[in-house]
Amino acid sequence: MITKLQAIEGRVFHYKRSATTCDNWRRNGVTQTWKTRPDSFRVPIKHGLYDYGQIRETDVEYFHMEDECPQ
């Protein structure tokens, strides 16, 4: 699980797909934050050439940092 600070500063995130594999997702832009919702954020991410996504405050439990990878 990542924190808001890790999401703002991190470049590479891992998504645990199964018990033995993790996918590498990398930052694809600037983290968006809001003044009216201080706990909310959105990190644009990219996997490979054609897969795009985002990490929001509701999705942090599915991602971890590259150096914290259990594999």
N, C-alpha and C. Protein backbone atom coordinates (compact mmCIF):
# COMPACT_ATOMS: atom_id res chain seq x y z
N MET A 1 0.85 -1.18 0.00
CA MET A 1 0.00 0.00 0.00
C MET A 1 0.89 1.24 0.00
N ILE A 2 0.55 2.21 -0.82
CA ILE A 2 1.33 3.43 -0.90
C ILE A 2 0.63 4.55 -0.14
N THR A 3 1.40 5.54 0.25
CA THR A 3 0.86 6.71 0.92
C THR A 3 0.73 7.85 -0.10
N LYS A 4 0.12 8.93 0.32
CA LYS A 4 -0.04 10.08 -0.56
C LYS A 4 1.33 10.66 -0.92
N LEU A 5 2.24 10.72 0.03
CA LEU A 5 3.58 11.25 -0.23
C LEU A 5 4.33 10.37 -1.23
N GLN A 6 4.21 9.05 -1.09
CA GLN A 6 4.85 8.15 -2.05
C GLN A 6 4.23 8.31 -3.44
N ALA A 7 2.94 8.52 -3.51
CA ALA A 7 2.28 8.71 -4.80
C ALA A 7 2.73 10.01 -5.46
N ILE A 8 2.95 11.04 -4.69
CA ILE A 8 3.38 12.32 -5.25
C ILE A 8 4.83 12.25 -5.74
N GLU A 9 5.69 11.55 -4.99
CA GLU A 9 7.11 11.53 -5.32
C GLU A 9 7.55 10.34 -6.16
N GLY A 10 6.81 9.25 -6.15
CA GLY A 10 7.23 8.02 -6.82
C GLY A 10 7.19 8.08 -8.33
N ARG A 11 8.03 7.27 -8.96
CA ARG A 11 8.06 7.20 -10.42
C ARG A 11 7.58 5.85 -10.92
N VAL A 12 7.89 4.76 -10.19
CA VAL A 12 7.50 3.42 -10.61
C VAL A 12 6.69 2.78 -9.50
N PHE A 13 5.55 2.21 -9.87
CA PHE A 13 4.66 1.54 -8.92
C PHE A 13 4.44 0.11 -9.39
N HIS A 14 4.24 -0.79 -8.45
CA HIS A 14 3.94 -2.18 -8.78
C HIS A 14 2.50 -2.48 -8.42
N TYR A 15 1.84 -3.21 -9.31
CA TYR A 15 0.48 -3.67 -9.10
C TYR A 15 0.54 -5.19 -8.98
N LYS A 16 0.11 -5.72 -7.84
CA LYS A 16 0.19 -7.15 -7.63
C LYS A 16 -0.96 -7.84 -8.35
N ARG A 17 -0.63 -8.50 -9.46
CA ARG A 17 -1.63 -9.15 -10.30
C ARG A 17 -2.03 -10.51 -9.74
N SER A 18 -1.06 -11.27 -9.24
CA SER A 18 -1.34 -12.56 -8.63
C SER A 18 -0.34 -12.78 -7.50
N ALA A 19 -0.34 -13.97 -6.95
CA ALA A 19 0.55 -14.25 -5.82
C ALA A 19 2.02 -14.24 -6.22
N THR A 20 2.31 -14.45 -7.51
CA THR A 20 3.71 -14.56 -7.93
C THR A 20 4.16 -13.48 -8.90
N THR A 21 3.26 -12.65 -9.42
CA THR A 21 3.66 -11.65 -10.42
C THR A 21 3.17 -10.25 -10.05
N CYS A 22 4.00 -9.28 -10.41
CA CYS A 22 3.66 -7.87 -10.25
C CYS A 22 3.87 -7.17 -11.58
N ASP A 23 3.01 -6.23 -11.90
CA ASP A 23 3.15 -5.42 -13.11
C ASP A 23 3.81 -4.10 -12.75
N ASN A 24 4.72 -3.64 -13.61
CA ASN A 24 5.36 -2.34 -13.43
C ASN A 24 4.51 -1.27 -14.10
N TRP A 25 4.11 -0.28 -13.35
CA TRP A 25 3.42 0.89 -13.87
C TRP A 25 4.29 2.09 -13.57
N ARG A 26 4.44 2.98 -14.53
CA ARG A 26 5.27 4.17 -14.30
C ARG A 26 4.43 5.43 -14.45
N ARG A 27 4.90 6.46 -13.81
CA ARG A 27 4.21 7.75 -13.84
C ARG A 27 4.15 8.28 -15.26
N ASN A 28 3.03 8.89 -15.60
CA ASN A 28 2.84 9.42 -16.94
C ASN A 28 2.41 10.89 -16.90
N GLY A 29 2.74 11.59 -15.85
CA GLY A 29 2.35 12.99 -15.74
C GLY A 29 2.48 13.47 -14.31
N VAL A 30 1.87 14.59 -14.03
CA VAL A 30 1.95 15.24 -12.73
C VAL A 30 0.78 14.78 -11.85
N THR A 31 1.05 14.59 -10.57
CA THR A 31 0.00 14.24 -9.62
C THR A 31 -0.94 15.42 -9.45
N GLN A 32 -2.23 15.14 -9.52
CA GLN A 32 -3.24 16.17 -9.34
C GLN A 32 -3.76 16.11 -7.91
N THR A 33 -3.80 17.26 -7.25
CA THR A 33 -4.36 17.37 -5.90
C THR A 33 -5.37 18.50 -5.88
N TRP A 34 -6.20 18.51 -4.84
CA TRP A 34 -7.25 19.51 -4.72
C TRP A 34 -7.14 20.20 -3.37
N LYS A 35 -7.36 21.52 -3.35
CA LYS A 35 -7.36 22.28 -2.10
C LYS A 35 -8.60 21.99 -1.27
N THR A 36 -9.73 21.77 -1.91
CA THR A 36 -10.98 21.53 -1.18
C THR A 36 -11.10 20.11 -0.65
N ARG A 37 -10.32 19.18 -1.21
CA ARG A 37 -10.29 17.79 -0.74
C ARG A 37 -8.83 17.42 -0.50
N PRO A 38 -8.28 17.71 0.68
CA PRO A 38 -6.84 17.52 0.90
C PRO A 38 -6.39 16.06 0.88
N ASP A 39 -7.26 15.10 1.10
CA ASP A 39 -6.87 13.70 1.07
C ASP A 39 -6.94 13.09 -0.32
N SER A 40 -7.51 13.79 -1.27
CA SER A 40 -7.69 13.26 -2.62
C SER A 40 -6.49 13.56 -3.51
N PHE A 41 -6.17 12.62 -4.39
CA PHE A 41 -5.13 12.81 -5.38
C PHE A 41 -5.38 11.88 -6.55
N ARG A 42 -4.71 12.17 -7.67
CA ARG A 42 -4.79 11.34 -8.87
C ARG A 42 -3.43 11.32 -9.54
N VAL A 43 -2.89 10.12 -9.72
CA VAL A 43 -1.59 9.95 -10.37
C VAL A 43 -1.83 9.25 -11.70
N PRO A 44 -1.52 9.88 -12.83
CA PRO A 44 -1.64 9.19 -14.12
C PRO A 44 -0.48 8.20 -14.28
N ILE A 45 -0.79 6.97 -14.70
CA ILE A 45 0.22 5.94 -14.83
C ILE A 45 0.09 5.24 -16.18
N LYS A 46 1.17 4.54 -16.58
CA LYS A 46 1.23 3.88 -17.87
C LYS A 46 1.91 2.53 -17.70
N HIS A 47 1.42 1.53 -18.44
CA HIS A 47 2.00 0.19 -18.43
C HIS A 47 2.21 -0.22 -19.87
N GLY A 48 3.45 -0.43 -20.27
CA GLY A 48 3.74 -0.79 -21.65
C GLY A 48 3.48 0.36 -22.60
N LEU A 49 3.03 0.04 -23.80
CA LEU A 49 2.80 1.08 -24.79
C LEU A 49 1.37 1.61 -24.83
N TYR A 50 0.42 0.77 -24.48
CA TYR A 50 -0.98 1.13 -24.73
C TYR A 50 -1.89 1.12 -23.51
N ASP A 51 -1.40 0.70 -22.36
CA ASP A 51 -2.25 0.65 -21.17
C ASP A 51 -2.02 1.89 -20.31
N TYR A 52 -3.09 2.61 -20.07
CA TYR A 52 -3.04 3.81 -19.24
C TYR A 52 -4.00 3.64 -18.08
N GLY A 53 -3.73 4.30 -16.98
CA GLY A 53 -4.61 4.22 -15.83
C GLY A 53 -4.33 5.37 -14.89
N GLN A 54 -4.81 5.21 -13.68
CA GLN A 54 -4.60 6.23 -12.66
C GLN A 54 -4.66 5.58 -11.30
N ILE A 55 -3.93 6.17 -10.37
CA ILE A 55 -3.99 5.76 -8.98
C ILE A 55 -4.72 6.86 -8.23
N ARG A 56 -5.79 6.51 -7.58
CA ARG A 56 -6.54 7.45 -6.74
C ARG A 56 -6.42 7.00 -5.29
N GLU A 57 -6.90 7.83 -4.39
CA GLU A 57 -6.81 7.50 -2.96
C GLU A 57 -7.58 6.23 -2.62
N THR A 58 -8.52 5.83 -3.45
CA THR A 58 -9.28 4.60 -3.21
C THR A 58 -8.56 3.37 -3.74
N ASP A 59 -7.51 3.55 -4.56
CA ASP A 59 -6.81 2.43 -5.18
C ASP A 59 -5.45 2.12 -4.56
N VAL A 60 -5.05 2.82 -3.52
CA VAL A 60 -3.70 2.67 -2.99
C VAL A 60 -3.43 1.28 -2.41
N GLU A 61 -4.45 0.57 -2.01
CA GLU A 61 -4.24 -0.76 -1.41
C GLU A 61 -3.78 -1.78 -2.44
N TYR A 62 -3.98 -1.53 -3.72
CA TYR A 62 -3.59 -2.46 -4.78
C TYR A 62 -2.18 -2.22 -5.30
N PHE A 63 -1.56 -1.11 -4.95
CA PHE A 63 -0.24 -0.75 -5.45
C PHE A 63 0.77 -0.71 -4.31
N HIS A 64 2.03 -0.94 -4.66
CA HIS A 64 3.13 -0.75 -3.72
C HIS A 64 4.32 -0.21 -4.50
N MET A 65 5.30 0.29 -3.77
CA MET A 65 6.47 0.89 -4.41
C MET A 65 7.38 -0.21 -4.94
N GLU A 66 8.24 0.15 -5.88
CA GLU A 66 9.11 -0.81 -6.52
C GLU A 66 10.08 -1.45 -5.51
N ASP A 67 10.62 -0.68 -4.61
CA ASP A 67 11.58 -1.22 -3.64
C ASP A 67 10.92 -2.03 -2.52
N GLU A 68 9.58 -1.99 -2.43
CA GLU A 68 8.87 -2.75 -1.42
C GLU A 68 8.21 -4.01 -2.00
N CYS A 69 8.64 -4.39 -3.19
CA CYS A 69 8.00 -5.52 -3.88
C CYS A 69 8.33 -6.84 -3.17
N PRO A 70 7.32 -7.65 -2.87
CA PRO A 70 7.58 -8.91 -2.18
C PRO A 70 8.21 -9.98 -3.08
N GLN A 71 8.18 -9.83 -4.40
CA GLN A 71 8.76 -10.83 -5.31
C GLN A 71 10.22 -10.60 -5.52
